[in-house]
PDB file of N, CA and C in Angstrom:
ATOM      1  N   MET A   1      34.121  44.688 -54.587  1.00  0.00           N
ATOM      2  CA  MET A   1      32.641  43.366 -54.869  1.00  0.00           C
ATOM      3  C   MET A   1      33.913  41.956 -53.473  1.00  0.00           C
ATOM      4  N   LYS A   2      34.869  41.415 -53.975  1.00  0.00           N
ATOM      5  CA  LYS A   2      35.360  40.708 -54.088  1.00  0.00           C
ATOM      6  C   LYS A   2      36.287  40.501 -52.122  1.00  0.00           C
ATOM      7  N   LEU A   3      36.307  42.287 -51.898  1.00  0.00           N
ATOM      8  CA  LEU A   3      36.803  42.754 -50.416  1.00  0.00           C
ATOM      9  C   LEU A   3      35.721  41.910 -50.359  1.00  0.00           C
ATOM     10  N   ARG A   4      34.582  42.076 -50.121  1.00  0.00           N
ATOM     11  CA  ARG A   4      32.654  42.069 -49.753  1.00  0.00           C
ATOM     12  C   ARG A   4      32.350  40.449 -49.242  1.00  0.00           C
ATOM     13  N   ILE A   5      32.818  39.588 -50.226  1.00  0.00           N
ATOM     14  CA  ILE A   5      32.352  38.120 -49.961  1.00  0.00           C
ATOM     15  C   ILE A   5      33.216  37.808 -49.774  1.00  0.00           C
ATOM     16  N   VAL A   6      35.016  38.276 -49.677  1.00  0.00           N
ATOM     17  CA  VAL A   6      35.834  37.390 -48.491  1.00  0.00           C
ATOM     18  C   VAL A   6      35.144  38.010 -47.070  1.00  0.00           C
ATOM     19  N   MET A   7      34.747  39.023 -46.761  1.00  0.00           N
ATOM     20  CA  MET A   7      35.144  38.802 -45.767  1.00  0.00           C
ATOM     21  C   MET A   7      33.545  38.620 -44.727  1.00  0.00           C
ATOM     22  N   GLY A   8      32.577  37.935 -46.328  1.00  0.00           N
ATOM     23  CA  GLY A   8      31.450  37.900 -45.633  1.00  0.00           C
ATOM     24  C   GLY A   8      31.584  36.234 -45.399  1.00  0.00           C
ATOM     25  N   LEU A   9      32.708  35.719 -45.982  1.00  0.00           N
ATOM     26  CA  LEU A   9      32.946  34.481 -46.428  1.00  0.00           C
ATOM     27  C   LEU A   9      33.522  33.901 -44.204  1.00  0.00           C
ATOM     28  N   LEU A  10      34.209  35.024 -44.844  1.00  0.00           N
ATOM     29  CA  LEU A  10      35.177  34.863 -43.301  1.00  0.00           C
ATOM     30  C   LEU A  10      34.144  35.115 -41.595  1.00  0.00           C
ATOM     31  N   MET A  11      33.301  35.870 -41.907  1.00  0.00           N
ATOM     32  CA  MET A  11      32.544  36.562 -40.483  1.00  0.00           C
ATOM     33  C   MET A  11      31.233  35.329 -40.389  1.00  0.00           C
ATOM     34  N   GLY A  12      30.985  34.988 -41.840  1.00  0.00           N
ATOM     35  CA  GLY A  12      29.787  33.404 -40.996  1.00  0.00           C
ATOM     36  C   GLY A  12      30.417  32.367 -41.054  1.00  0.00           C
ATOM     37  N   THR A  13      31.980  32.260 -41.683  1.00  0.00           N
ATOM     38  CA  THR A  13      32.445  30.782 -40.578  1.00  0.00           C
ATOM     39  C   THR A  13      33.005  31.385 -39.312  1.00  0.00           C
ATOM     40  N   MET A  14      33.262  32.471 -38.807  1.00  0.00           N
ATOM     41  CA  MET A  14      34.138  32.526 -37.558  1.00  0.00           C
ATOM     42  C   MET A  14      33.144  32.731 -36.767  1.00  0.00           C
ATOM     43  N   MET A  15      31.684  33.597 -37.065  1.00  0.00           N
ATOM     44  CA  MET A  15      30.166  33.621 -36.135  1.00  0.00           C
ATOM     45  C   MET A  15      29.858  31.456 -36.165  1.00  0.00           C
ATOM     46  N   SER A  16      30.085  30.809 -36.971  1.00  0.00           N
ATOM     47  CA  SER A  16      28.958  30.098 -37.679  1.00  0.00           C
ATOM     48  C   SER A  16      29.252  29.671 -36.077  1.00  0.00           C
ATOM     49  N   VAL A  17      30.565  28.898 -36.453  1.00  0.00           N
ATOM     50  CA  VAL A  17      31.520  28.112 -35.550  1.00  0.00           C
ATOM     51  C   VAL A  17      31.219  27.852 -33.932  1.00  0.00           C
ATOM     52  N   VAL A  18      31.540  29.575 -33.962  1.00  0.00           N
ATOM     53  CA  VAL A  18      31.281  29.757 -32.424  1.00  0.00           C
ATOM     54  C   VAL A  18      29.502  29.692 -32.266  1.00  0.00           C
ATOM     55  N   ILE A  19      29.166  31.017 -32.093  1.00  0.00           N
ATOM     56  CA  ILE A  19      27.762  29.855 -32.545  1.00  0.00           C
ATOM     57  C   ILE A  19      26.995  29.047 -32.668  1.00  0.00           C
ATOM     58  N   SER A  20      27.494  27.985 -33.492  1.00  0.00           N
ATOM     59  CA  SER A  20      26.849  26.606 -33.047  1.00  0.00           C
ATOM     60  C   SER A  20      27.305  25.060 -32.576  1.00  0.00           C
ATOM     61  N   GLY A  21      29.369  25.634 -31.940  1.00  0.00           N
ATOM     62  CA  GLY A  21      29.699  25.156 -30.914  1.00  0.00           C
ATOM     63  C   GLY A  21      28.775  24.959 -29.787  1.00  0.00           C
ATOM     64  N   ILE A  22      28.255  26.314 -29.498  1.00  0.00           N
ATOM     65  CA  ILE A  22      28.158  26.791 -27.453  1.00  0.00           C
ATOM     66  C   ILE A  22      26.693  27.097 -28.148  1.00  0.00           C
ATOM     67  N   ILE A  23      25.707  26.195 -28.690  1.00  0.00           N
ATOM     68  CA  ILE A  23      24.168  25.991 -28.816  1.00  0.00           C
ATOM     69  C   ILE A  23      24.479  24.406 -28.465  1.00  0.00           C
ATOM     70  N   THR A  24      24.681  24.004 -29.050  1.00  0.00           N
ATOM     71  CA  THR A  24      25.317  22.607 -29.682  1.00  0.00           C
ATOM     72  C   THR A  24      25.461  21.738 -27.783  1.00  0.00           C
ATOM     73  N   PHE A  25      26.588  22.629 -27.712  1.00  0.00           N
ATOM     74  CA  PHE A  25      26.707  22.502 -26.332  1.00  0.00           C
ATOM     75  C   PHE A  25      25.871  22.541 -24.887  1.00  0.00           C
ATOM     76  N   ILE A  26      25.762  23.766 -25.043  1.00  0.00           N
ATOM     77  CA  ILE A  26      24.632  24.483 -23.583  1.00  0.00           C
ATOM     78  C   ILE A  26      22.802  22.856 -24.693  1.00  0.00           C
ATOM     79  N   ASN A  27      22.534  23.161 -25.959  1.00  0.00           N
ATOM     80  CA  ASN A  27      21.133  21.785 -25.774  1.00  0.00           C
ATOM     81  C   ASN A  27      21.861  20.375 -24.914  1.00  0.00           C
ATOM     82  N   THR A  28      22.642  20.095 -26.115  1.00  0.00           N
ATOM     83  CA  THR A  28      22.839  18.427 -26.053  1.00  0.00           C
ATOM     84  C   THR A  28      23.950  18.407 -25.322  1.00  0.00           C
ATOM     85  N   GLY A  29      25.018  18.972 -24.346  1.00  0.00           N
ATOM     86  CA  GLY A  29      25.473  18.397 -23.631  1.00  0.00           C
ATOM     87  C   GLY A  29      27.201  18.341 -24.621  1.00  0.00           C
ATOM     88  N   MET A  30      28.332  17.808 -23.183  1.00  0.00           N
ATOM     89  CA  MET A  30      29.412  17.145 -24.180  1.00  0.00           C
ATOM     90  C   MET A  30      29.824  14.921 -24.068  1.00  0.00           C
ATOM     91  N   ASP A  31      30.055  14.881 -25.577  1.00  0.00           N
ATOM     92  CA  ASP A  31      29.823  13.144 -24.984  1.00  0.00           C
ATOM     93  C   ASP A  31      30.827  12.761 -25.923  1.00  0.00           C
ATOM     94  N   ALA A  32      31.419  12.134 -26.525  1.00  0.00           N
ATOM     95  CA  ALA A  32      31.711  11.229 -27.532  1.00  0.00           C
ATOM     96  C   ALA A  32      30.633  11.220 -29.304  1.00  0.00           C
ATOM     97  N   GLU A  33      29.862  11.754 -29.225  1.00  0.00           N
ATOM     98  CA  GLU A  33      29.101  12.365 -29.758  1.00  0.00           C
ATOM     99  C   GLU A  33      28.843  14.187 -30.010  1.00  0.00           C
ATOM    100  N   TYR A  34      28.970  14.419 -29.727  1.00  0.00           N
ATOM    101  CA  TYR A  34      29.998  15.551 -29.826  1.00  0.00           C
ATOM    102  C   TYR A  34      29.844  16.920 -30.646  1.00  0.00           C
ATOM    103  N   PRO A  35      31.109  16.171 -31.048  1.00  0.00           N
ATOM    104  CA  PRO A  35      31.696  16.224 -32.318  1.00  0.00           C
ATOM    105  C   PRO A  35      31.410  16.341 -33.380  1.00  0.00           C
ATOM    106  N   MET A  36      30.657  14.942 -33.972  1.00  0.00           N
ATOM    107  CA  MET A  36      29.101  15.411 -34.693  1.00  0.00           C
ATOM    108  C   MET A  36      28.189  16.615 -35.440  1.00  0.00           C
ATOM    109  N   ARG A  37      28.132  16.301 -33.438  1.00  0.00           N
ATOM    110  CA  ARG A  37      26.802  17.022 -34.040  1.00  0.00           C
ATOM    111  C   ARG A  37      27.524  18.542 -33.764  1.00  0.00           C
ATOM    112  N   TRP A  38      28.015  18.781 -33.500  1.00  0.00           N
ATOM    113  CA  TRP A  38      28.408  20.054 -33.391  1.00  0.00           C
ATOM    114  C   TRP A  38      29.659  20.626 -35.023  1.00  0.00           C
ATOM    115  N   LEU A  39      29.627  19.004 -36.024  1.00  0.00           N
ATOM    116  CA  LEU A  39      29.741  19.869 -37.367  1.00  0.00           C
ATOM    117  C   LEU A  39      28.142  19.539 -38.108  1.00  0.00           C
ATOM    118  N   ARG A  40      27.611  19.124 -37.664  1.00  0.00           N
ATOM    119  CA  ARG A  40      26.469  19.005 -38.658  1.00  0.00           C
ATOM    120  C   ARG A  40      25.292  20.260 -38.143  1.00  0.00           C
ATOM    121  N   ALA A  41      25.954  20.815 -36.900  1.00  0.00           N
ATOM    122  CA  ALA A  41      25.430  22.164 -37.331  1.00  0.00           C
ATOM    123  C   ALA A  41      25.687  22.890 -37.116  1.00  0.00           C
ATOM    124  N   TRP A  42      27.192  23.583 -37.015  1.00  0.00           N
ATOM    125  CA  TRP A  42      27.820  24.113 -38.378  1.00  0.00           C
ATOM    126  C   TRP A  42      27.388  24.025 -39.715  1.00  0.00           C
ATOM    127  N   PHE A  43      27.529  22.864 -40.344  1.00  0.00           N
ATOM    128  CA  PHE A  43      27.808  23.257 -42.091  1.00  0.00           C
ATOM    129  C   PHE A  43      25.974  23.678 -41.763  1.00  0.00           C
ATOM    130  N   ILE A  44      24.914  23.909 -41.587  1.00  0.00           N
ATOM    131  CA  ILE A  44      24.088  24.386 -41.341  1.00  0.00           C
ATOM    132  C   ILE A  44      23.678  25.531 -41.354  1.00  0.00           C
ATOM    133  N   ALA A  45      24.240  26.115 -40.125  1.00  0.00           N
ATOM    134  CA  ALA A  45      24.518  27.777 -39.636  1.00  0.00           C
ATOM    135  C   ALA A  45      25.388  28.086 -40.200  1.00  0.00           C
ATOM    136  N   TRP A  46      25.920  27.287 -41.438  1.00  0.00           N
ATOM    137  CA  TRP A  46      27.379  28.809 -42.161  1.00  0.00           C
ATOM    138  C   TRP A  46      26.864  28.526 -43.608  1.00  0.00           C
ATOM    139  N   CYS A  47      25.899  27.239 -43.870  1.00  0.00           N
ATOM    140  CA  CYS A  47      24.899  27.798 -45.351  1.00  0.00           C
ATOM    141  C   CYS A  47      24.391  28.011 -45.520  1.00  0.00           C
ATOM    142  N   ILE A  48      23.660  29.176 -44.256  1.00  0.00           N
ATOM    143  CA  ILE A  48      22.641  30.516 -43.460  1.00  0.00           C
ATOM    144  C   ILE A  48      23.567  31.389 -43.543  1.00  0.00           C
ATOM    145  N   ALA A  49      24.521  31.306 -42.421  1.00  0.00           N
ATOM    146  CA  ALA A  49      25.411  32.764 -42.619  1.00  0.00           C
ATOM    147  C   ALA A  49      26.643  33.022 -43.138  1.00  0.00           C
ATOM    148  N   ALA A  50      27.093  32.609 -44.043  1.00  0.00           N
ATOM    149  CA  ALA A  50      27.800  32.762 -44.728  1.00  0.00           C
ATOM    150  C   ALA A  50      27.310  33.472 -45.759  1.00  0.00           C
ATOM    151  N   PRO A  51      26.816  33.181 -46.605  1.00  0.00           N
ATOM    152  CA  PRO A  51      25.144  34.503 -47.731  1.00  0.00           C
ATOM    153  C   PRO A  51      24.768  35.401 -47.101  1.00  0.00           C
ATOM    154  N   MET A  52      24.218  35.014 -45.411  1.00  0.00           N
ATOM    155  CA  MET A  52      23.962  36.047 -44.389  1.00  0.00           C
ATOM    156  C   MET A  52      24.429  37.442 -44.614  1.00  0.00           C
ATOM    157  N   SER A  53      25.740  37.611 -43.898  1.00  0.00           N
ATOM    158  CA  SER A  53      26.752  37.921 -44.055  1.00  0.00           C
ATOM    159  C   SER A  53      27.304  38.580 -45.781  1.00  0.00           C
ATOM    160  N   ILE A  54      27.376  38.040 -46.457  1.00  0.00           N
ATOM    161  CA  ILE A  54      27.799  38.934 -47.963  1.00  0.00           C
ATOM    162  C   ILE A  54      26.677  39.729 -47.884  1.00  0.00           C
ATOM    163  N   VAL A  55      25.798  39.216 -47.599  1.00  0.00           N
ATOM    164  CA  VAL A  55      24.498  40.134 -48.477  1.00  0.00           C
ATOM    165  C   VAL A  55      23.468  41.264 -47.851  1.00  0.00           C
ATOM    166  N   LEU A  56      23.992  41.155 -46.668  1.00  0.00           N
ATOM    167  CA  LEU A  56      23.601  41.899 -44.930  1.00  0.00           C
ATOM    168  C   LEU A  56      25.177  42.647 -44.303  1.00  0.00           C
ATOM    169  N   SER A  57      26.484  42.605 -45.055  1.00  0.00           N
ATOM    170  CA  SER A  57      26.711  43.825 -44.875  1.00  0.00           C
ATOM    171  C   SER A  57      26.984  45.120 -45.190  1.00  0.00           C
ATOM    172  N   PRO A  58      26.651  45.281 -46.019  1.00  0.00           N
ATOM    173  CA  PRO A  58      26.200  46.325 -46.596  1.00  0.00           C
ATOM    174  C   PRO A  58      25.182  47.493 -45.816  1.00  0.00           C
ATOM    175  N   ILE A  59      24.285  46.456 -45.576  1.00  0.00           N
ATOM    176  CA  ILE A  59      23.742  47.697 -44.730  1.00  0.00           C
ATOM    177  C   ILE A  59      23.963  47.796 -43.425  1.00  0.00           C
ATOM    178  N   ALA A  60      24.460  47.547 -42.647  1.00  0.00           N
ATOM    179  CA  ALA A  60      24.810  46.840 -41.304  1.00  0.00           C
ATOM    180  C   ALA A  60      25.885  47.685 -41.539  1.00  0.00           C
ATOM    181  N   ARG A  61      26.766  47.815 -42.735  1.00  0.00           N
ATOM    182  CA  ARG A  61      27.555  48.799 -42.280  1.00  0.00           C
ATOM    183  C   ARG A  61      27.270  50.743 -42.452  1.00  0.00           C
ATOM    184  N   ARG A  62      26.376  50.968 -43.527  1.00  0.00           N
ATOM    185  CA  ARG A  62      25.806  52.009 -43.248  1.00  0.00           C
ATOM    186  C   ARG A  62      24.744  51.945 -41.928  1.00  0.00           C
ATOM    187  N   TRP A  63      24.185  51.369 -41.449  1.00  0.00           N
ATOM    188  CA  TRP A  63      23.793  51.364 -40.278  1.00  0.00           C
ATOM    189  C   TRP A  63      24.942  51.509 -39.039  1.00  0.00           C
ATOM    190  N   ALA A  64      25.734  51.096 -39.049  1.00  0.00           N
ATOM    191  CA  ALA A  64      27.315  51.394 -38.437  1.00  0.00           C
ATOM    192  C   ALA A  64      27.797  53.011 -38.884  1.00  0.00           C
ATOM    193  N   GLU A  65      27.918  52.358 -39.906  1.00  0.00           N
ATOM    194  CA  GLU A  65      28.448  54.891 -39.573  1.00  0.00           C
ATOM    195  C   GLU A  65      27.683  55.365 -39.657  1.00  0.00           C
ATOM    196  N   ALA A  66      26.183  55.705 -39.550  1.00  0.00           N
ATOM    197  CA  ALA A  66      24.944  56.645 -39.730  1.00  0.00           C
ATOM    198  C   ALA A  66      24.871  56.785 -37.507  1.00  0.00           C
ATOM    199  N   LEU A  67      25.229  55.654 -37.149  1.00  0.00           N
ATOM    200  CA  LEU A  67      25.044  55.264 -35.917  1.00  0.00           C
ATOM    201  C   LEU A  67      26.109  56.039 -35.212  1.00  0.00           C
ATOM    202  N   THR A  68      27.808  56.160 -35.192  1.00  0.00           N
ATOM    203  CA  THR A  68      28.483  56.373 -34.622  1.00  0.00           C
ATOM    204  C   THR A  68      29.082  58.147 -35.831  1.00  0.00           C
ATOM    205  N   GLU A  69      28.223  58.602 -36.825  1.00  0.00           N
ATOM    206  CA  GLU A  69      28.382  60.010 -36.855  1.00  0.00           C
ATOM    207  C   GLU A  69      28.765  60.946 -36.062  1.00  0.00           C
ATOM    208  N   ARG A  70      29.463  61.616 -36.591  1.00  0.00           N
ATOM    209  CA  ARG A  70      29.405  62.416 -35.195  1.00  0.00           C
ATOM    210  C   ARG A  70      28.805  63.795 -35.557  1.00  0.00           C
ATOM    211  N   ARG A  71      28.003  64.292 -34.970  1.00  0.00           N
ATOM    212  CA  ARG A  71      26.971  65.779 -35.476  1.00  0.00           C
ATOM    213  C   ARG A  71      26.752  67.176 -35.307  1.00  0.00           C
TER     214      ARG A  71
END
């Protein structure tokens, strides 16, 4: 359980940082206000991504195991 929570927090953090940064740049461009827009977008994304990573990781693992299982 502890590993699942830590893994979910790390995955949620990494994914939300990258995705929010890219989408913020695509939608608004790069200027002096970009870092604050990115930080705001990241915080919102992280609040969704971290818990979802924790909740959905067991499902994703089962699907991955089913897709890669040798027959």
